[in-house]
C-alpha atoms as a PDB file:
ATOM      1  CA  MET A   1    -128.017-249.173 163.323  1.00  0.00           C
ATOM      2  CA  VAL A   2    -124.490-248.210 162.230  1.00  0.00           C
ATOM      3  CA  ARG A   3    -125.807-245.202 160.328  1.00  0.00           C
ATOM      4  CA  LEU A   4    -127.923-244.112 163.320  1.00  0.00           C
ATOM      5  CA  LEU A   5    -124.896-244.347 165.621  1.00  0.00           C
ATOM      6  CA  ALA A   6    -122.828-242.304 163.176  1.00  0.00           C
ATOM      7  CA  ILE A   7    -125.478-239.582 163.070  1.00  0.00           C
ATOM      8  CA  LEU A   8    -125.572-239.461 166.871  1.00  0.00           C
ATOM      9  CA  LEU A   9    -121.788-239.134 166.981  1.00  0.00           C
ATOM     10  CA  LEU A  10    -121.903-236.342 164.446  1.00  0.00           C
ATOM     11  CA  LEU A  11    -124.563-234.459 166.402  1.00  0.00           C
ATOM     12  CA  ALA A  12    -122.357-234.692 169.485  1.00  0.00           C
ATOM     13  CA  VAL A  13    -119.562-232.847 167.680  1.00  0.00           C
ATOM     14  CA  PRO A  14    -119.744-229.017 167.447  1.00  0.00           C
ATOM     15  CA  ARG A  15    -120.353-227.918 163.879  1.00  0.00           C
ATOM     16  CA  PRO A  16    -117.568-225.280 163.566  1.00  0.00           C
ATOM     17  CA  ALA A  17    -114.808-227.364 161.997  1.00  0.00           C
ATOM     18  CA  ALA A  18    -111.915-225.610 163.710  1.00  0.00           C
ATOM     19  CA  ALA A  19    -113.439-226.342 167.104  1.00  0.00           C
ATOM     20  CA  HIS A  20    -114.077-230.054 166.771  1.00  0.00           C
ATOM     21  CA  PRO A  21    -112.872-232.029 169.791  1.00  0.00           C
ATOM     22  CA  ALA A  22    -110.152-234.059 168.064  1.00  0.00           C
ATOM     23  CA  PRO A  23    -107.822-231.805 166.022  1.00  0.00           C
ATOM     24  CA  PHE A  24    -105.450-234.699 165.454  1.00  0.00           C
ATOM     25  CA  SER A  25    -104.410-237.120 162.747  1.00  0.00           C
ATOM     26  CA  TYR A  26    -102.520-240.354 163.319  1.00  0.00           C
ATOM     27  CA  VAL A  27     -99.901-241.846 161.020  1.00  0.00           C
ATOM     28  CA  ASP A  28     -98.464-245.331 161.523  1.00  0.00           C
ATOM     29  CA  LEU A  29     -95.488-246.239 159.322  1.00  0.00           C
ATOM     30  CA  SER A  30     -94.010-249.730 159.068  1.00  0.00           C
ATOM     31  CA  PHE A  31     -90.925-250.897 157.207  1.00  0.00           C
ATOM     32  CA  ALA A  32     -91.592-253.624 154.650  1.00  0.00           C
ATOM     33  CA  ARG A  33     -89.221-255.408 152.282  1.00  0.00           C
ATOM     34  CA  ASP A  34     -90.285-253.465 149.195  1.00  0.00           C
ATOM     35  CA  GLY A  35     -91.873-250.372 150.669  1.00  0.00           C
ATOM     36  CA  ILE A  36     -93.334-248.476 153.585  1.00  0.00           C
ATOM     37  CA  ASP A  37     -96.794-249.440 154.792  1.00  0.00           C
ATOM     38  CA  ALA A  38     -98.785-246.486 156.080  1.00  0.00           C
ATOM     39  CA  SER A  39    -102.003-246.163 158.020  1.00  0.00           C
ATOM     40  CA  VAL A  40    -103.404-242.624 158.197  1.00  0.00           C
ATOM     41  CA  THR A  41    -106.339-241.999 160.543  1.00  0.00           C
ATOM     42  CA  ILE A  42    -108.190-238.746 159.831  1.00  0.00           C
ATOM     43  CA  HIS A  43    -111.122-237.180 161.685  1.00  0.00           C
ATOM     44  CA  MET A  44    -114.157-237.062 159.406  1.00  0.00           C
ATOM     45  CA  ILE A  45    -114.717-233.309 159.942  1.00  0.00           C
ATOM     46  CA  ASP A  46    -111.164-232.482 158.800  1.00  0.00           C
ATOM     47  CA  LEU A  47    -111.399-234.685 155.735  1.00  0.00           C
ATOM     48  CA  ALA A  48    -114.889-233.505 154.800  1.00  0.00           C
ATOM     49  CA  HIS A  49    -113.888-229.865 155.228  1.00  0.00           C
ATOM     50  CA  ASP A  50    -110.992-230.035 152.768  1.00  0.00           C
ATOM     51  CA  LEU A  51    -112.797-232.236 150.266  1.00  0.00           C
ATOM     52  CA  GLY A  52    -115.987-230.161 150.323  1.00  0.00           C
ATOM     53  CA  LEU A  53    -118.137-233.111 151.378  1.00  0.00           C
ATOM     54  CA  GLU A  54    -120.509-233.880 154.206  1.00  0.00           C
ATOM     55  CA  PRO A  55    -118.730-235.566 157.153  1.00  0.00           C
ATOM     56  CA  LEU A  56    -120.954-238.660 156.990  1.00  0.00           C
ATOM     57  CA  PHE A  57    -119.463-239.609 153.626  1.00  0.00           C
ATOM     58  CA  VAL A  58    -116.780-241.591 155.498  1.00  0.00           C
ATOM     59  CA  TYR A  59    -119.444-244.151 156.447  1.00  0.00           C
ATOM     60  CA  ASN A  60    -120.526-244.650 152.846  1.00  0.00           C
ATOM     61  CA  PRO A  61    -118.146-247.084 151.068  1.00  0.00           C
ATOM     62  CA  GLY A  62    -119.312-245.907 147.669  1.00  0.00           C
ATOM     63  CA  MET A  63    -118.581-242.263 148.409  1.00  0.00           C
ATOM     64  CA  VAL A  64    -115.192-243.135 149.890  1.00  0.00           C
ATOM     65  CA  GLU A  65    -114.334-245.156 146.784  1.00  0.00           C
ATOM     66  CA  ALA A  66    -115.418-242.264 144.553  1.00  0.00           C
ATOM     67  CA  ALA A  67    -113.226-239.850 146.508  1.00  0.00           C
ATOM     68  CA  ARG A  68    -110.252-242.150 146.984  1.00  0.00           C
ATOM     69  CA  GLU A  69    -107.955-240.423 144.469  1.00  0.00           C
ATOM     70  CA  ARG A  70    -108.700-237.042 146.045  1.00  0.00           C
ATOM     71  CA  ILE A  71    -107.969-238.489 149.500  1.00  0.00           C
ATOM     72  CA  ARG A  72    -104.736-240.118 148.306  1.00  0.00           C
ATOM     73  CA  ALA A  73    -103.620-236.899 146.586  1.00  0.00           C
ATOM     74  CA  LEU A  74    -104.397-234.821 149.702  1.00  0.00           C
ATOM     75  CA  ILE A  75    -102.264-237.080 151.894  1.00  0.00           C
ATOM     76  CA  ALA A  76     -99.453-237.303 149.319  1.00  0.00           C
ATOM     77  CA  GLU A  77     -99.323-233.513 148.997  1.00  0.00           C
ATOM     78  CA  ARG A  78     -99.402-232.613 152.686  1.00  0.00           C
ATOM     79  CA  LEU A  79     -97.513-235.513 154.231  1.00  0.00           C
ATOM     80  CA  ALA A  80     -94.159-236.017 152.522  1.00  0.00           C
ATOM     81  CA  ILE A  81     -92.615-239.450 153.093  1.00  0.00           C
ATOM     82  CA  GLY A  82     -89.012-239.622 151.903  1.00  0.00           C
ATOM     83  CA  THR A  83     -85.800-241.595 152.295  1.00  0.00           C
ATOM     84  CA  GLY A  84     -82.097-240.887 152.031  1.00  0.00           C
ATOM     85  CA  THR A  85     -82.281-241.118 148.241  1.00  0.00           C
ATOM     86  CA  ALA A  86     -85.852-240.026 147.505  1.00  0.00           C
ATOM     87  CA  GLU A  87     -87.218-236.678 148.646  1.00  0.00           C
ATOM     88  CA  ARG A  88     -90.884-237.650 148.260  1.00  0.00           C
ATOM     89  CA  LEU A  89     -92.410-241.061 147.649  1.00  0.00           C
ATOM     90  CA  GLN A  90     -95.792-241.403 145.985  1.00  0.00           C
ATOM     91  CA  PRO A  91     -98.276-243.677 147.782  1.00  0.00           C
ATOM     92  CA  ASP A  92    -100.480-246.392 146.321  1.00  0.00           C
ATOM     93  CA  TRP A  93    -104.024-246.764 147.628  1.00  0.00           C
ATOM     94  CA  ARG A  94    -104.574-249.941 149.642  1.00  0.00           C
ATOM     95  CA  GLY A  95    -108.035-249.307 151.050  1.00  0.00           C
ATOM     96  CA  ALA A  96    -109.963-247.395 153.704  1.00  0.00           C
ATOM     97  CA  GLU A  97    -112.279-248.198 156.584  1.00  0.00           C
ATOM     98  CA  PRO A  98    -114.485-246.067 158.843  1.00  0.00           C
ATOM     99  CA  LEU A  99    -113.735-245.988 162.565  1.00  0.00           C
ATOM    100  CA  ILE A 100    -117.139-245.275 164.020  1.00  0.00           C
ATOM    101  CA  GLU A 101    -116.023-244.955 167.642  1.00  0.00           C
ATOM    102  CA  ARG A 102    -113.469-242.318 166.620  1.00  0.00           C
ATOM    103  CA  ALA A 103    -115.588-240.538 163.983  1.00  0.00           C
ATOM    104  CA  ALA A 104    -112.688-241.039 161.589  1.00  0.00           C
ATOM    105  CA  LEU A 105    -111.525-242.729 158.412  1.00  0.00           C
ATOM    106  CA  ARG A 106    -108.465-244.958 158.398  1.00  0.00           C
ATOM    107  CA  VAL A 107    -106.667-244.897 155.043  1.00  0.00           C
ATOM    108  CA  ARG A 108    -104.151-247.606 154.181  1.00  0.00           C
ATOM    109  CA  LEU A 109    -101.340-246.736 151.763  1.00  0.00           C
ATOM    110  CA  ARG A 110     -98.147-248.323 150.473  1.00  0.00           C
ATOM    111  CA  TYR A 111     -95.090-246.250 149.563  1.00  0.00           C
ATOM    112  CA  PRO A 112     -93.139-248.532 147.175  1.00  0.00           C
ATOM    113  CA  LEU A 113     -89.329-248.691 147.240  1.00  0.00           C
ATOM    114  CA  ASP A 114     -86.904-249.910 144.605  1.00  0.00           C
ATOM    115  CA  ALA A 115     -84.497-251.111 147.318  1.00  0.00           C
ATOM    116  CA  PRO A 116     -84.531-251.409 151.118  1.00  0.00           C
ATOM    117  CA  THR A 117     -83.965-248.114 152.901  1.00  0.00           C
ATOM    118  CA  GLY A 118     -82.272-247.324 156.179  1.00  0.00           C
ATOM    119  CA  MET A 119     -83.794-243.889 156.728  1.00  0.00           C
ATOM    120  CA  LEU A 120     -87.304-242.508 156.772  1.00  0.00           C
ATOM    121  CA  ARG A 121     -88.132-238.793 156.679  1.00  0.00           C
ATOM    122  CA  VAL A 122     -91.624-237.516 157.453  1.00  0.00           C
ATOM    123  CA  THR A 123     -92.441-233.879 156.733  1.00  0.00           C
ATOM    124  CA  GLY A 124     -95.732-232.089 157.305  1.00  0.00           C
ATOM    125  CA  ALA A 125     -96.375-228.879 159.250  1.00  0.00           C
ATOM    126  CA  ALA A 126    -100.001-229.938 159.690  1.00  0.00           C
ATOM    127  CA  LEU A 127    -102.082-232.326 157.664  1.00  0.00           C
ATOM    128  CA  PHE A 128    -104.975-229.851 157.745  1.00  0.00           C
ATOM    129  CA  PRO A 129    -103.631-226.282 157.703  1.00  0.00           C
ATOM    130  CA  TYR A 130    -107.084-224.690 158.037  1.00  0.00           C
ATOM    131  CA  ASP A 131    -106.936-225.702 161.718  1.00  0.00           C
ATOM    132  CA  PRO A 132    -104.072-223.816 163.451  1.00  0.00           C
ATOM    133  CA  ILE A 133    -103.903-226.270 166.362  1.00  0.00           C
ATOM    134  CA  HIS A 134    -103.979-229.432 164.281  1.00  0.00           C
ATOM    135  CA  GLN A 135    -101.311-232.016 165.128  1.00  0.00           C
ATOM    136  CA  THR A 136    -100.192-235.207 163.437  1.00  0.00           C
ATOM    137  CA  PHE A 137     -99.043-238.067 165.677  1.00  0.00           C
ATOM    138  CA  VAL A 138     -96.478-240.274 163.950  1.00  0.00           C
ATOM    139  CA  ASN A 139     -95.524-243.807 165.013  1.00  0.00           C
ATOM    140  CA  VAL A 140     -92.706-245.671 163.261  1.00  0.00           C
ATOM    141  CA  TYR A 141     -92.579-249.461 163.458  1.00  0.00           C
ATOM    142  CA  GLU A 142     -89.729-251.761 162.518  1.00  0.00           C
ATOM    143  CA  GLY A 143     -89.949-255.525 162.746  1.00  0.00           C
ATOM    144  CA  GLY A 144     -93.421-255.180 164.225  1.00  0.00           C
ATOM    145  CA  GLU A 145     -92.153-253.117 167.186  1.00  0.00           C
ATOM    146  CA  LEU A 146     -92.790-249.437 167.888  1.00  0.00           C
ATOM    147  CA  ARG A 147     -89.415-247.686 167.502  1.00  0.00           C
ATOM    148  CA  GLN A 148     -90.139-243.970 167.473  1.00  0.00           C
ATOM    149  CA  GLN A 149     -92.983-241.570 168.240  1.00  0.00           C
ATOM    150  CA  ALA A 150     -93.228-237.903 167.320  1.00  0.00           C
ATOM    151  CA  ILE A 151     -95.712-235.082 166.822  1.00  0.00           C
ATOM    152  CA  LEU A 152     -95.769-232.857 163.762  1.00  0.00           C
ATOM    153  CA  ASP A 153     -97.277-229.383 164.009  1.00  0.00           C
ATOM    154  CA  ARG A 154     -96.505-225.830 162.969  1.00  0.00           C
ATOM    155  CA  THR A 155     -93.334-225.750 165.054  1.00  0.00           C
ATOM    156  CA  ALA A 156     -92.068-229.322 164.527  1.00  0.00           C
ATOM    157  CA  ARG A 157     -92.277-229.968 160.813  1.00  0.00           C
ATOM    158  CA  THR A 158     -89.961-232.917 160.172  1.00  0.00           C
ATOM    159  CA  ILE A 159     -88.867-236.125 161.874  1.00  0.00           C
ATOM    160  CA  GLU A 160     -86.268-238.638 160.756  1.00  0.00           C
ATOM    161  CA  TYR A 161     -85.918-242.275 161.676  1.00  0.00           C
ATOM    162  CA  PHE A 162     -82.811-244.360 161.063  1.00  0.00           C
ATOM    163  CA  ALA A 163     -83.437-248.088 160.930  1.00  0.00           C
ATOM    164  CA  GLY A 164     -81.444-250.497 163.054  1.00  0.00           C
ATOM    165  CA  THR A 165     -80.062-252.218 159.970  1.00  0.00           C
ATOM    166  CA  ARG A 166     -76.911-252.053 157.887  1.00  0.00           C
ATOM    167  CA  GLN A 167     -78.676-249.622 155.567  1.00  0.00           C
ATOM    168  CA  GLY A 168     -79.658-247.531 158.591  1.00  0.00           C
ATOM    169  CA  THR A 169     -76.074-247.381 159.824  1.00  0.00           C
ATOM    170  CA  PHE A 170     -74.921-246.312 156.368  1.00  0.00           C
ATOM    171  CA  GLU A 171     -77.534-243.538 156.300  1.00  0.00           C
ATOM    172  CA  VAL A 172     -76.464-242.294 159.740  1.00  0.00           C
ATOM    173  CA  ILE A 173     -72.833-242.105 158.634  1.00  0.00           C
ATOM    174  CA  ARG A 174     -73.775-240.463 155.355  1.00  0.00           C
ATOM    175  CA  ARG A 175     -75.760-237.834 157.211  1.00  0.00           C
ATOM    176  CA  PHE A 176     -73.552-237.023 160.204  1.00  0.00           C
ATOM    177  CA  LEU A 177     -69.999-237.419 158.857  1.00  0.00           C
ATOM    178  CA  PRO A 178     -70.337-234.641 156.250  1.00  0.00           C
ATOM    179  CA  ALA A 179     -72.132-232.559 158.890  1.00  0.00           C
ATOM    180  CA  GLY A 180     -69.055-232.800 161.109  1.00  0.00           C
ATOM    181  CA  VAL A 181     -66.753-231.750 158.274  1.00  0.00           C
ATOM    182  CA  HIS A 182     -69.091-228.912 157.331  1.00  0.00           C
ATOM    183  CA  HIS A 183     -69.357-227.604 160.873  1.00  0.00           C
ATOM    184  CA  ILE A 184     -65.613-227.346 161.491  1.00  0.00           C
ATOM    185  CA  LEU A 185     -65.046-225.731 158.086  1.00  0.00           C
ATOM    186  CA  ILE A 186     -67.665-223.022 158.678  1.00  0.00           C
ATOM    187  CA  GLY A 187     -66.724-222.412 162.320  1.00  0.00           C
ATOM    188  CA  PRO A 188     -64.258-219.487 162.265  1.00  0.00           C
ATOM    189  CA  ASP A 189     -63.628-219.657 166.007  1.00  0.00           C
ATOM    190  CA  HIS A 190     -62.690-223.353 165.917  1.00  0.00           C
ATOM    191  CA  ILE A 191     -60.533-222.801 162.825  1.00  0.00           C
ATOM    192  CA  LEU A 192     -58.711-219.853 164.383  1.00  0.00           C
ATOM    193  CA  PHE A 193     -58.051-221.876 167.535  1.00  0.00           C
ATOM    194  CA  LEU A 194     -56.477-224.651 165.436  1.00  0.00           C
ATOM    195  CA  LEU A 195     -54.447-222.208 163.333  1.00  0.00           C
ATOM    196  CA  GLY A 196     -53.194-220.510 166.472  1.00  0.00           C
ATOM    197  CA  LEU A 197     -51.962-223.864 167.750  1.00  0.00           C
ATOM    198  CA  ILE A 198     -49.855-224.569 164.657  1.00  0.00           C
ATOM    199  CA  LEU A 199     -48.493-221.107 163.904  1.00  0.00           C
ATOM    200  CA  LEU A 200     -45.200-221.944 165.631  1.00  0.00           C
ATOM    201  CA  GLY A 201     -44.816-225.046 163.478  1.00  0.00           C
ATOM    202  CA  GLY A 202     -43.210-228.243 164.672  1.00  0.00           C
ATOM    203  CA  THR A 203     -42.606-231.789 163.576  1.00  0.00           C
ATOM    204  CA  PHE A 204     -45.349-233.919 162.095  1.00  0.00           C
ATOM    205  CA  ARG A 205     -45.463-235.923 165.318  1.00  0.00           C
ATOM    206  CA  ARG A 206     -45.854-232.760 167.415  1.00  0.00           C
ATOM    207  CA  LEU A 207     -48.672-231.399 165.236  1.00  0.00           C
ATOM    208  CA  LEU A 208     -50.408-234.785 165.242  1.00  0.00           C
ATOM    209  CA  LEU A 209     -50.215-234.873 169.034  1.00  0.00           C
ATOM    210  CA  ILE A 210     -51.782-231.409 169.246  1.00  0.00           C
ATOM    211  CA  VAL A 211     -54.688-232.310 166.969  1.00  0.00           C
ATOM    212  CA  THR A 212     -55.218-235.673 168.670  1.00  0.00           C
ATOM    213  CA  ALA A 213     -55.328-234.042 172.116  1.00  0.00           C
ATOM    214  CA  PHE A 214     -57.912-231.545 170.869  1.00  0.00           C
ATOM    215  CA  THR A 215     -59.965-234.300 169.235  1.00  0.00           C
ATOM    216  CA  PHE A 216     -59.987-236.540 172.306  1.00  0.00           C
ATOM    217  CA  ALA A 217     -61.090-233.735 174.596  1.00  0.00           C
ATOM    218  CA  HIS A 218     -63.841-232.273 172.414  1.00  0.00           C
ATOM    219  CA  SER A 219     -65.147-235.744 171.531  1.00  0.00           C
ATOM    220  CA  LEU A 220     -65.693-236.465 175.222  1.00  0.00           C
ATOM    221  CA  THR A 221     -67.606-233.291 176.052  1.00  0.00           C
ATOM    222  CA  LEU A 222     -69.460-233.398 172.728  1.00  0.00           C
ATOM    223  CA  SER A 223     -70.823-236.817 173.625  1.00  0.00           C
ATOM    224  CA  LEU A 224     -71.679-235.837 177.206  1.00  0.00           C
ATOM    225  CA  ALA A 225     -73.515-232.701 176.091  1.00  0.00           C
ATOM    226  CA  ALA A 226     -75.285-234.311 173.129  1.00  0.00           C
ATOM    227  CA  LEU A 227     -76.637-236.982 175.478  1.00  0.00           C
ATOM    228  CA  ASN A 228     -77.683-234.277 177.987  1.00  0.00           C
ATOM    229  CA  ILE A 229     -75.412-235.703 180.694  1.00  0.00           C
ATOM    230  CA  VAL A 230     -73.518-232.426 181.053  1.00  0.00           C
ATOM    231  CA  ASN A 231     -75.029-229.385 179.432  1.00  0.00           C
ATOM    232  CA  PRO A 232     -73.519-225.982 180.334  1.00  0.00           C
ATOM    233  CA  PRO A 233     -75.367-222.935 178.957  1.00  0.00           C
ATOM    234  CA  SER A 234     -74.181-221.347 175.722  1.00  0.00           C
ATOM    235  CA  ARG A 235     -73.765-217.986 177.479  1.00  0.00           C
ATOM    236  CA  VAL A 236     -70.850-219.609 179.319  1.00  0.00           C
ATOM    237  CA  VAL A 237     -69.512-221.846 176.545  1.00  0.00           C
ATOM    238  CA  GLU A 238     -69.330-219.311 173.727  1.00  0.00           C
ATOM    239  CA  PRO A 239     -67.296-216.647 175.644  1.00  0.00           C
ATOM    240  CA  ALA A 240     -65.072-219.436 176.996  1.00  0.00           C
ATOM    241  CA  ILE A 241     -64.280-220.526 173.437  1.00  0.00           C
ATOM    242  CA  ALA A 242     -63.302-216.931 172.637  1.00  0.00           C
ATOM    243  CA  LEU A 243     -61.049-216.862 175.716  1.00  0.00           C
ATOM    244  CA  SER A 244     -59.355-220.054 174.536  1.00  0.00           C
ATOM    245  CA  ILE A 245     -58.460-218.320 171.284  1.00  0.00           C
ATOM    246  CA  ILE A 246     -56.983-215.347 173.145  1.00  0.00           C
ATOM    247  CA  TYR A 247     -54.962-217.712 175.327  1.00  0.00           C
ATOM    248  CA  VAL A 248     -53.485-219.553 172.328  1.00  0.00           C
ATOM    249  CA  GLY A 249     -52.358-216.313 170.687  1.00  0.00           C
ATOM    250  CA  ALA A 250     -50.881-215.000 173.937  1.00  0.00           C
ATOM    251  CA  ASP A 251     -49.038-218.259 174.585  1.00  0.00           C
ATOM    252  CA  ASN A 252     -47.496-218.071 171.125  1.00  0.00           C
ATOM    253  CA  LEU A 253     -46.130-214.592 171.828  1.00  0.00           C
ATOM    254  CA  LEU A 254     -45.096-215.041 175.464  1.00  0.00           C
ATOM    255  CA  GLY A 255     -43.952-218.641 175.480  1.00  0.00           C
ATOM    256  CA  ARG A 256     -41.766-218.759 172.384  1.00  0.00           C
ATOM    257  CA  GLY A 257     -38.500-220.536 173.023  1.00  0.00           C
ATOM    258  CA  GLY A 258     -39.801-222.135 176.192  1.00  0.00           C
ATOM    259  CA  ARG A 259     -41.451-225.472 176.841  1.00  0.00           C
ATOM    260  CA  ASP A 260     -43.962-226.434 174.163  1.00  0.00           C
ATOM    261  CA  VAL A 261     -47.300-226.911 175.964  1.00  0.00           C
ATOM    262  CA  ARG A 262     -49.576-226.578 172.919  1.00  0.00           C
ATOM    263  CA  ALA A 263     -50.809-230.168 173.228  1.00  0.00           C
ATOM    264  CA  TRP A 264     -51.913-229.460 176.795  1.00  0.00           C
ATOM    265  CA  ILE A 265     -53.619-226.250 175.681  1.00  0.00           C
ATOM    266  CA  ALA A 266     -55.420-228.156 172.923  1.00  0.00           C
ATOM    267  CA  PHE A 267     -56.452-230.820 175.404  1.00  0.00           C
ATOM    268  CA  GLY A 268     -57.666-228.400 178.089  1.00  0.00           C
ATOM    269  CA  PHE A 269     -59.617-226.095 175.818  1.00  0.00           C
ATOM    270  CA  GLY A 270     -60.833-229.006 173.690  1.00  0.00           C
ATOM    271  CA  PHE A 271     -63.309-229.751 176.473  1.00  0.00           C
ATOM    272  CA  VAL A 272     -64.800-226.279 176.015  1.00  0.00           C
ATOM    273  CA  HIS A 273     -64.971-226.527 172.214  1.00  0.00           C
ATOM    274  CA  GLY A 274     -66.752-229.879 172.509  1.00  0.00           C
ATOM    275  CA  PHE A 275     -69.689-228.161 174.202  1.00  0.00           C
ATOM    276  CA  GLY A 276     -69.813-225.754 171.281  1.00  0.00           C
ATOM    277  CA  PHE A 277     -69.949-228.620 168.778  1.00  0.00           C
ATOM    278  CA  ALA A 278     -72.744-230.258 170.783  1.00  0.00           C
ATOM    279  CA  GLY A 279     -75.078-227.314 170.280  1.00  0.00           C
ATOM    280  CA  VAL A 280     -75.023-227.856 166.534  1.00  0.00           C
ATOM    281  CA  LEU A 281     -75.460-231.607 166.881  1.00  0.00           C
ATOM    282  CA  ARG A 282     -78.512-231.198 169.122  1.00  0.00           C
ATOM    283  CA  GLU A 283     -80.099-228.863 166.574  1.00  0.00           C
ATOM    284  CA  MET A 284     -79.702-231.556 163.931  1.00  0.00           C
ATOM    285  CA  GLY A 285     -81.570-234.030 166.114  1.00  0.00           C
ATOM    286  CA  LEU A 286     -79.891-237.211 167.279  1.00  0.00           C
ATOM    287  CA  PRO A 287     -81.590-240.411 166.089  1.00  0.00           C
ATOM    288  CA  PRO A 288     -82.671-242.304 169.242  1.00  0.00           C
ATOM    289  CA  ALA A 289     -82.002-245.694 167.652  1.00  0.00           C
ATOM    290  CA  ALA A 290     -78.507-244.766 166.458  1.00  0.00           C
ATOM    291  CA  LEU A 291     -76.974-242.470 169.066  1.00  0.00           C
ATOM    292  CA  GLY A 292     -73.596-244.206 169.051  1.00  0.00           C
ATOM    293  CA  TRP A 293     -73.178-244.190 165.288  1.00  0.00           C
ATOM    294  CA  SER A 294     -74.343-240.581 164.910  1.00  0.00           C
ATOM    295  CA  LEU A 295     -71.898-239.339 167.558  1.00  0.00           C
ATOM    296  CA  PHE A 296     -69.090-241.406 166.054  1.00  0.00           C
ATOM    297  CA  ALA A 297     -69.773-240.208 162.510  1.00  0.00           C
ATOM    298  CA  PHE A 298     -70.017-236.553 163.545  1.00  0.00           C
ATOM    299  CA  ASN A 299     -66.748-236.787 165.492  1.00  0.00           C
ATOM    300  CA  VAL A 300     -65.005-238.441 162.547  1.00  0.00           C
ATOM    301  CA  GLY A 301     -66.293-235.656 160.307  1.00  0.00           C
ATOM    302  CA  VAL A 302     -64.936-233.001 162.662  1.00  0.00           C
ATOM    303  CA  GLU A 303     -61.582-234.822 162.733  1.00  0.00           C
ATOM    304  CA  VAL A 304     -61.453-235.003 158.935  1.00  0.00           C
ATOM    305  CA  GLY A 305     -62.202-231.279 158.718  1.00  0.00           C
ATOM    306  CA  GLN A 306     -59.512-230.523 161.283  1.00  0.00           C
ATOM    307  CA  MET A 307     -56.931-232.568 159.418  1.00  0.00           C
ATOM    308  CA  LEU A 308     -57.737-230.766 156.170  1.00  0.00           C
ATOM    309  CA  ILE A 309     -57.225-227.401 157.857  1.00  0.00           C
ATOM    310  CA  VAL A 310     -54.059-228.436 159.680  1.00  0.00           C
ATOM    311  CA  ALA A 311     -52.551-230.159 156.624  1.00  0.00           C
ATOM    312  CA  ALA A 312     -53.110-227.102 154.409  1.00  0.00           C
ATOM    313  CA  ALA A 313     -51.900-224.540 156.960  1.00  0.00           C
ATOM    314  CA  ALA A 314     -48.940-226.593 158.223  1.00  0.00           C
ATOM    315  CA  SER A 315     -47.777-227.299 154.674  1.00  0.00           C
ATOM    316  CA  ALA A 316     -47.895-223.597 153.784  1.00  0.00           C
ATOM    317  CA  LEU A 317     -46.019-222.633 156.951  1.00  0.00           C
ATOM    318  CA  ALA A 318     -43.419-225.358 156.427  1.00  0.00           C
ATOM    319  CA  LEU A 319     -42.846-224.183 152.853  1.00  0.00           C
ATOM    320  CA  LEU A 320     -42.449-220.598 154.057  1.00  0.00           C
ATOM    321  CA  ARG A 321     -40.068-221.667 156.838  1.00  0.00           C
ATOM    322  CA  SER A 322     -37.913-223.633 154.392  1.00  0.00           C
ATOM    323  CA  ARG A 323     -37.427-220.526 152.270  1.00  0.00           C
ATOM    324  CA  SER A 324     -37.162-217.863 154.965  1.00  0.00           C
ATOM    325  CA  ARG A 325     -37.116-218.581 158.668  1.00  0.00           C
ATOM    326  CA  ARG A 326     -37.333-214.854 159.385  1.00  0.00           C
ATOM    327  CA  ALA A 327     -40.515-214.530 157.315  1.00  0.00           C
ATOM    328  CA  ALA A 328     -42.009-217.530 159.066  1.00  0.00           C
ATOM    329  CA  GLU A 329     -41.324-215.934 162.460  1.00  0.00           C
ATOM    330  CA  LEU A 330     -42.947-212.694 161.360  1.00  0.00           C
ATOM    331  CA  VAL A 331     -46.029-214.597 160.163  1.00  0.00           C
ATOM    332  CA  ALA A 332     -46.198-216.420 163.496  1.00  0.00           C
ATOM    333  CA  VAL A 333     -46.046-213.144 165.434  1.00  0.00           C
ATOM    334  CA  ALA A 334     -48.512-211.329 163.186  1.00  0.00           C
ATOM    335  CA  GLY A 335     -50.805-214.332 163.069  1.00  0.00           C
ATOM    336  CA  SER A 336     -50.796-214.666 166.843  1.00  0.00           C
ATOM    337  CA  ALA A 337     -51.682-210.982 167.184  1.00  0.00           C
ATOM    338  CA  VAL A 338     -54.616-211.494 164.793  1.00  0.00           C
ATOM    339  CA  VAL A 339     -55.710-214.500 166.835  1.00  0.00           C
ATOM    340  CA  ILE A 340     -55.709-212.437 170.039  1.00  0.00           C
ATOM    341  CA  VAL A 341     -57.630-209.554 168.465  1.00  0.00           C
ATOM    342  CA  ALA A 342     -60.245-211.849 166.922  1.00  0.00           C
ATOM    343  CA  GLY A 343     -60.661-213.767 170.174  1.00  0.00           C
ATOM    344  CA  ALA A 344     -61.053-210.521 172.121  1.00  0.00           C
ATOM    345  CA  PHE A 345     -63.655-209.275 169.660  1.00  0.00           C
ATOM    346  CA  TRP A 346     -65.666-212.493 169.918  1.00  0.00           C
ATOM    347  CA  PHE A 347     -65.396-212.464 173.714  1.00  0.00           C
ATOM    348  CA  VAL A 348     -66.792-208.928 174.012  1.00  0.00           C
ATOM    349  CA  GLU A 349     -69.454-209.549 171.369  1.00  0.00           C
ATOM    350  CA  ARG A 350     -70.645-212.768 173.037  1.00  0.00           C
ATOM    351  CA  ILE A 351     -70.682-211.292 176.531  1.00  0.00           C
ATOM    352  CA  TRP A 352     -72.641-208.325 175.199  1.00  0.00           C
ATOM    353  CA  ARG A 353     -75.072-210.568 173.298  1.00  0.00           C
ATOM    354  CA  THR A 354     -75.854-212.770 176.302  1.00  0.00           C
ATOM    355  CA  SER A 355     -76.003-210.001 178.931  1.00  0.00           C
END
């Protein structure tokens, strides 16, 4: 009776493999103490196509057992399961069962771990690349509860899940703190804005106040934008960042000897720069289960990067000022002019690019 039902189901499915009515695979991943338990549900036409077998083999336990290493290898090759310390784990076979009502085979695997992990990475453009519309639905479970859902296809190739454990928090910090440092160090517009703010020098307390004001402001708008609470378009944000650079350079040249308002400038334009940081953070993908820690770690990374830049530049300027005040003033004037020119160039280029 089971075999007859399977044949009827097969006859109801169009024979061209790429046109079968369920171009999907389903992957359920669960955290265990010593590994990751996986359940992979595959339509029999997809599996039979890539193994060179007849689709009905999934209902024959003997044929499934004979092909189990080929099935395991196919999944291991096309669906990469990794952690923060291991790029690709190799799965152990735990069994398989036919799902008659879904014309599919459910494969059970275990990805062993040497130690508990706080992060899970799943990569796979499509489990069956012969079908251009194939999608893989991924469910991640922790403590028996569904924590994250995602779809992998040709456009979305990787998902990451950070566990709600101490190990997960560590992985979030390890991922997002260096990203914050990296972003500020490779962002010439942010660096030039900071350098413009410190060209006139000042006491350690004054420079710390300037950096702190900038940090507070950009941290606020970074968080608001990353959480999609406030999300101005980049065509507005990017030229505004360029204008902030022009303003800093102009203030250095026009306001010398007057009231020092650099902390207020840093604070005011910090809001704009925060929206610029948020664009990068969104591209990285915020972990839904660890939004707070990811934002905190990224902000700390940005702050560390800022302090490295400010410490190096301020020390060099202080050394120059101690040896020749006249030379330091010339550097401040020339540097401010460079800041204005660079900011003007970026402003025109960004307006042109977005028009």
